[in-house]
Amino acid sequence: MPTVSVLSLKGGVGKTSVVLGLAGAATVRGLATLVVDLDPQGNATSLLKAHKTRTTVADVLGHPTRETLEKALTPCDWEVAPGEVDVLPGHSSVIRFDAWAGGAWRPKLARALSHLDGYDLVLIDCPPSLGALTREALAASDLALVVTTPSYFGAQGVERAMAEIDEITKSVNPTLELAGIVVNRVRSVAEEHTYRNKELVEIYGRTTLFKPSIPDRIAVQQAEGFGQPVQLVRTAGGREVAEIFDTYLTSLLRKGA
């Protein structure tokens, strides 16, 4: 059961869209997937149409026990046969766990998720910031997947994310590995996008970047607007993006085996 943190230290790069795209690809394959929503905005919880529960990820971080975890897990209406998706729902109150001033720190999410069973894949949607919640996610993960856009500030976010992954690997989770970098919302006709993509290759190496990059397609926004997986958008753009996420899923499962 590979656990994958999907992170970006800059908002607006489509991090949650990548989580949902991977969850959709997993359900098409018949996998049981858990999405952990650590983002205080709770977008993944909302878009997945998670069933309401009185217990959320904030309660799990407060009391990382099997009982609390099992009370928080909930199904959602966003299913693609033959697989299924459950959600560890987010809540705005989780922000109180994001403060970290350095020094001694005991990860809570890793303790809670150690009680999980029955899932083939766990995807953690991290907040778009470098705080204790992102550290919680990385401490609980086998793989870290960095999402960016081909822009100057996106590249800066990648640099900070890579440094954080390295720090967590050295300090609290020596089994954590970098899965790679996803370049999202690429426009092939934009010179700036081409330049930034080449820059990422030069800095981190061609094999670190997931291929192909995710093109900027309206199908992704359509899927989110209708509250359904992009795999159900029957357009050329929808099929293109769905195939890319299936390729990414193969890579993640191979790396997490």
Protein backbone atom coordinates (compact mmCIF):
# COMPACT_ATOMS: atom_id res chain seq x y z
CA MET A 1 0.00 0.00 0.00
CA PRO A 2 2.10 2.94 -1.18
CA THR A 3 1.35 6.23 0.55
CA VAL A 4 2.03 9.24 -1.67
CA SER A 5 2.22 12.88 -0.57
CA VAL A 6 1.23 15.24 -3.37
CA LEU A 7 2.71 18.60 -2.51
CA SER A 8 3.43 22.03 -3.81
CA LEU A 9 4.69 25.01 -1.86
CA LYS A 10 2.82 27.40 -4.15
CA GLY A 11 -0.93 27.63 -4.52
CA GLY A 12 -2.71 27.52 -7.85
CA VAL A 13 -0.59 24.84 -9.53
CA GLY A 14 -3.33 22.20 -9.61
CA LYS A 15 -2.07 19.99 -6.78
CA THR A 16 -5.56 18.82 -5.82
CA SER A 17 -6.40 18.18 -9.48
CA VAL A 18 -3.43 15.81 -9.64
CA VAL A 19 -4.63 13.98 -6.51
CA LEU A 20 -8.10 13.57 -8.03
CA GLY A 21 -6.69 12.51 -11.39
CA LEU A 22 -4.62 9.78 -9.74
CA ALA A 23 -7.58 8.65 -7.62
CA GLY A 24 -9.70 8.39 -10.76
CA ALA A 25 -7.02 6.39 -12.55
CA ALA A 26 -6.80 4.03 -9.57
CA THR A 27 -10.55 3.37 -9.50
CA VAL A 28 -10.57 2.56 -13.22
CA ARG A 29 -8.05 -0.18 -12.38
CA GLY A 30 -10.23 -1.50 -9.60
CA LEU A 31 -8.04 -0.26 -6.74
CA ALA A 32 -9.27 0.78 -3.31
CA THR A 33 -7.93 4.30 -2.72
CA LEU A 34 -7.89 6.58 0.31
CA VAL A 35 -7.56 10.33 -0.14
CA VAL A 36 -6.29 12.15 2.95
CA ASP A 37 -7.21 15.84 2.78
CA LEU A 38 -4.65 17.80 4.81
CA ASP A 39 -5.38 21.11 3.05
CA PRO A 40 -7.37 23.43 5.37
CA GLN A 41 -9.34 24.59 2.32
CA GLY A 42 -10.79 21.08 2.02
CA ASN A 43 -11.11 21.19 -1.77
CA ALA A 44 -10.47 17.48 -2.25
CA THR A 45 -13.16 16.64 0.33
CA SER A 46 -15.63 18.90 -1.45
CA LEU A 47 -14.87 17.77 -5.00
CA LEU A 48 -15.00 14.11 -4.04
CA LYS A 49 -18.42 14.70 -2.44
CA ALA A 50 -17.32 12.94 0.72
CA HIS A 51 -20.16 11.81 2.95
CA LYS A 52 -20.48 13.97 6.03
CA THR A 53 -18.91 12.71 9.22
CA ARG A 54 -18.57 14.26 12.66
CA THR A 55 -14.89 13.29 12.78
CA THR A 56 -12.25 14.72 10.41
CA VAL A 57 -8.52 14.67 9.84
CA ALA A 58 -8.21 17.36 12.53
CA ASP A 59 -9.57 14.91 15.13
CA VAL A 60 -7.19 12.23 13.85
CA LEU A 61 -4.20 14.52 14.32
CA GLY A 62 -5.45 15.38 17.81
CA HIS A 63 -5.93 11.71 18.71
CA PRO A 64 -4.01 9.46 16.28
CA THR A 65 -5.65 6.21 17.40
CA ARG A 66 -7.26 3.41 15.41
CA GLU A 67 -10.68 4.28 16.83
CA THR A 68 -10.49 7.95 15.83
CA LEU A 69 -9.18 7.07 12.38
CA GLU A 70 -11.92 4.54 11.69
CA LYS A 71 -14.60 7.01 12.79
CA ALA A 72 -13.24 9.62 10.37
CA LEU A 73 -12.98 7.44 7.25
CA THR A 74 -15.93 7.97 4.94
CA PRO A 75 -17.00 6.93 1.43
CA CYS A 76 -17.77 9.46 -1.29
CA ASP A 77 -20.13 9.78 -4.24
CA TRP A 78 -17.20 10.03 -6.64
CA GLU A 79 -16.81 6.44 -7.70
CA VAL A 80 -15.69 4.78 -10.93
CA ALA A 81 -16.33 1.05 -11.07
CA PRO A 82 -14.74 -1.32 -10.36
CA GLY A 83 -12.66 0.59 -7.78
CA GLU A 84 -13.64 2.74 -4.83
CA VAL A 85 -12.50 5.89 -3.07
CA ASP A 86 -12.70 6.67 0.64
CA VAL A 87 -11.81 9.99 2.19
CA LEU A 88 -10.18 11.12 5.39
CA PRO A 89 -12.00 14.45 5.19
CA GLY A 90 -10.38 17.80 5.68
CA HIS A 91 -11.59 20.59 7.93
CA SER A 92 -10.60 24.22 8.33
CA SER A 93 -9.68 23.59 11.98
CA VAL A 94 -6.72 21.46 10.88
CA ILE A 95 -4.82 24.72 10.45
CA ARG A 96 -4.12 24.70 14.19
CA PHE A 97 -1.72 21.81 13.60
CA ASP A 98 0.28 23.70 10.98
CA ALA A 99 2.45 25.74 13.33
CA TRP A 100 5.99 24.48 13.75
CA ALA A 101 8.89 26.41 15.27
CA GLY A 102 11.56 23.78 14.81
CA GLY A 103 13.03 21.52 17.42
CA ALA A 104 11.67 18.20 18.65
CA TRP A 105 8.63 16.91 16.80
CA ARG A 106 6.65 13.67 16.91
CA PRO A 107 4.66 12.89 13.73
CA LYS A 108 0.99 12.11 14.40
CA LEU A 109 -0.40 11.26 10.97
CA ALA A 110 2.10 8.43 10.47
CA ARG A 111 0.97 6.93 13.77
CA ALA A 112 -2.68 7.12 12.73
CA LEU A 113 -2.19 5.72 9.22
CA SER A 114 -0.24 2.77 10.60
CA HIS A 115 -3.65 1.39 11.61
CA LEU A 116 -4.92 1.35 8.02
CA ASP A 117 -5.67 -1.82 6.11
CA GLY A 118 -7.70 -2.72 3.04
CA TYR A 119 -6.37 0.00 0.72
CA ASP A 120 -4.21 -0.37 -2.36
CA LEU A 121 -3.16 3.30 -2.48
CA VAL A 122 -3.16 6.31 -0.15
CA LEU A 123 -2.93 9.83 -1.60
CA ILE A 124 -2.28 12.77 0.73
CA ASP A 125 -3.33 16.20 -0.51
CA CYS A 126 -0.93 18.57 1.25
CA PRO A 127 -1.55 22.26 1.94
CA PRO A 128 0.23 24.68 -0.43
CA SER A 129 2.67 25.78 2.25
CA LEU A 130 5.75 24.69 4.17
CA GLY A 131 4.48 24.02 7.66
CA ALA A 132 3.87 21.22 10.09
CA LEU A 133 1.01 19.73 8.03
CA THR A 134 3.26 19.19 5.02
CA ARG A 135 5.85 17.68 7.34
CA GLU A 136 3.15 15.38 8.80
CA ALA A 137 2.31 14.17 5.29
CA LEU A 138 5.92 13.50 4.31
CA ALA A 139 6.64 11.72 7.59
CA ALA A 140 3.73 9.35 6.83
CA SER A 141 4.60 8.70 3.17
CA ASP A 142 6.62 6.31 1.07
CA LEU A 143 6.76 8.68 -1.89
CA ALA A 144 6.64 12.43 -2.46
CA LEU A 145 5.23 13.81 -5.70
CA VAL A 146 5.96 17.50 -6.33
CA VAL A 147 3.53 19.44 -8.52
CA THR A 148 4.44 22.68 -10.27
CA THR A 149 3.59 24.82 -13.24
CA PRO A 150 6.13 26.03 -15.83
CA SER A 151 6.63 29.44 -14.24
CA TYR A 152 9.31 31.30 -12.31
CA PHE A 153 7.52 31.07 -8.96
CA GLY A 154 6.57 27.46 -9.65
CA ALA A 155 10.24 26.59 -10.04
CA GLN A 156 11.01 28.31 -6.74
CA GLY A 157 8.34 26.20 -5.07
CA VAL A 158 9.97 23.03 -6.41
CA GLU A 159 13.31 24.01 -4.91
CA ARG A 160 11.79 24.53 -1.46
CA ALA A 161 9.78 21.30 -1.70
CA MET A 162 12.87 19.29 -2.60
CA ALA A 163 14.75 20.73 0.36
CA GLU A 164 11.90 19.78 2.69
CA ILE A 165 11.74 16.23 1.33
CA ASP A 166 15.47 15.87 1.88
CA GLU A 167 15.21 17.20 5.44
CA ILE A 168 12.36 14.84 6.38
CA THR A 169 14.23 11.89 4.89
CA LYS A 170 17.27 12.67 7.01
CA SER A 171 15.38 13.39 10.23
CA VAL A 172 12.19 11.34 10.71
CA ASN A 173 11.40 9.19 7.67
CA PRO A 174 14.46 7.54 6.11
CA THR A 175 12.29 5.42 3.77
CA LEU A 176 10.75 8.47 2.06
CA GLU A 177 11.67 8.75 -1.62
CA LEU A 178 11.09 11.40 -4.25
CA ALA A 179 8.66 10.00 -6.82
CA GLY A 180 9.29 12.87 -9.19
CA ILE A 181 8.05 16.24 -10.41
CA VAL A 182 4.79 16.76 -12.28
CA VAL A 183 4.66 19.83 -14.53
CA ASN A 184 1.01 20.81 -14.79
CA ARG A 185 -1.05 23.14 -17.00
CA VAL A 186 1.48 23.27 -19.81
CA ARG A 187 0.73 25.24 -22.96
CA SER A 188 2.85 24.01 -25.83
CA VAL A 189 2.68 27.35 -27.66
CA ALA A 190 3.93 29.38 -24.68
CA GLU A 191 7.64 30.19 -24.91
CA GLU A 192 7.84 30.80 -21.15
CA HIS A 193 6.47 27.31 -20.47
CA THR A 194 9.01 25.73 -22.81
CA TYR A 195 11.84 27.67 -21.17
CA ARG A 196 10.81 26.77 -17.60
CA ASN A 197 10.37 23.12 -18.50
CA LYS A 198 13.91 22.98 -19.91
CA GLU A 199 15.14 24.75 -16.79
CA LEU A 200 13.60 22.07 -14.55
CA VAL A 201 15.23 19.34 -16.65
CA GLU A 202 18.62 21.03 -16.36
CA ILE A 203 18.35 21.39 -12.57
CA TYR A 204 16.76 18.09 -11.56
CA GLY A 205 17.45 15.77 -14.48
CA ARG A 206 15.22 14.45 -17.24
CA THR A 207 14.32 11.26 -15.35
CA THR A 208 12.98 13.22 -12.36
CA LEU A 209 10.20 14.84 -14.37
CA PHE A 210 7.08 12.74 -15.01
CA LYS A 211 6.35 12.32 -18.68
CA PRO A 212 4.40 13.53 -20.42
CA SER A 213 3.62 16.83 -18.71
CA ILE A 214 -0.05 17.58 -18.10
CA PRO A 215 -1.39 19.95 -20.76
CA ASP A 216 -3.73 22.81 -19.93
CA ARG A 217 -7.09 21.26 -20.87
CA ILE A 218 -10.59 22.52 -20.10
CA ALA A 219 -11.61 18.91 -19.42
CA VAL A 220 -10.03 19.13 -15.96
CA GLN A 221 -12.12 22.17 -15.02
CA GLN A 222 -15.21 20.52 -16.51
CA ALA A 223 -14.68 17.41 -14.37
CA GLU A 224 -14.29 19.46 -11.20
CA GLY A 225 -17.31 21.60 -12.08
CA PHE A 226 -19.50 18.52 -12.45
CA GLY A 227 -17.95 16.80 -9.44
CA GLN A 228 -16.73 13.79 -11.36
CA PRO A 229 -13.41 12.19 -12.34
CA VAL A 230 -11.72 13.48 -15.47
CA GLN A 231 -11.82 9.85 -16.62
CA LEU A 232 -15.56 10.34 -17.24
CA VAL A 233 -15.16 13.42 -19.45
CA ARG A 234 -15.69 11.94 -22.92
CA THR A 235 -13.77 14.50 -24.92
CA ALA A 236 -10.41 14.35 -26.66
CA GLY A 237 -8.90 16.46 -23.86
CA GLY A 238 -10.47 14.29 -21.18
CA ARG A 239 -9.13 11.11 -22.75
CA GLU A 240 -5.68 12.66 -23.15
CA VAL A 241 -5.44 13.72 -19.50
CA ALA A 242 -6.88 10.39 -18.30
CA GLU A 243 -4.19 8.48 -20.18
CA ILE A 244 -1.49 10.66 -18.63
CA PHE A 245 -2.77 9.98 -15.11
CA ASP A 246 -2.86 6.27 -15.86
CA THR A 247 0.81 6.48 -16.89
CA TYR A 248 1.63 8.36 -13.68
CA LEU A 249 -0.19 5.77 -11.59
CA THR A 250 1.84 2.96 -13.15
CA SER A 251 5.04 4.78 -12.23
CA LEU A 252 3.93 5.44 -8.64
CA LEU A 253 2.84 1.84 -8.05
CA ARG A 254 6.15 0.58 -9.45
CA LYS A 255 8.16 2.96 -7.27
CA GLY A 256 6.08 2.10 -4.20
CA ALA A 257 6.27 -1.66 -4.64
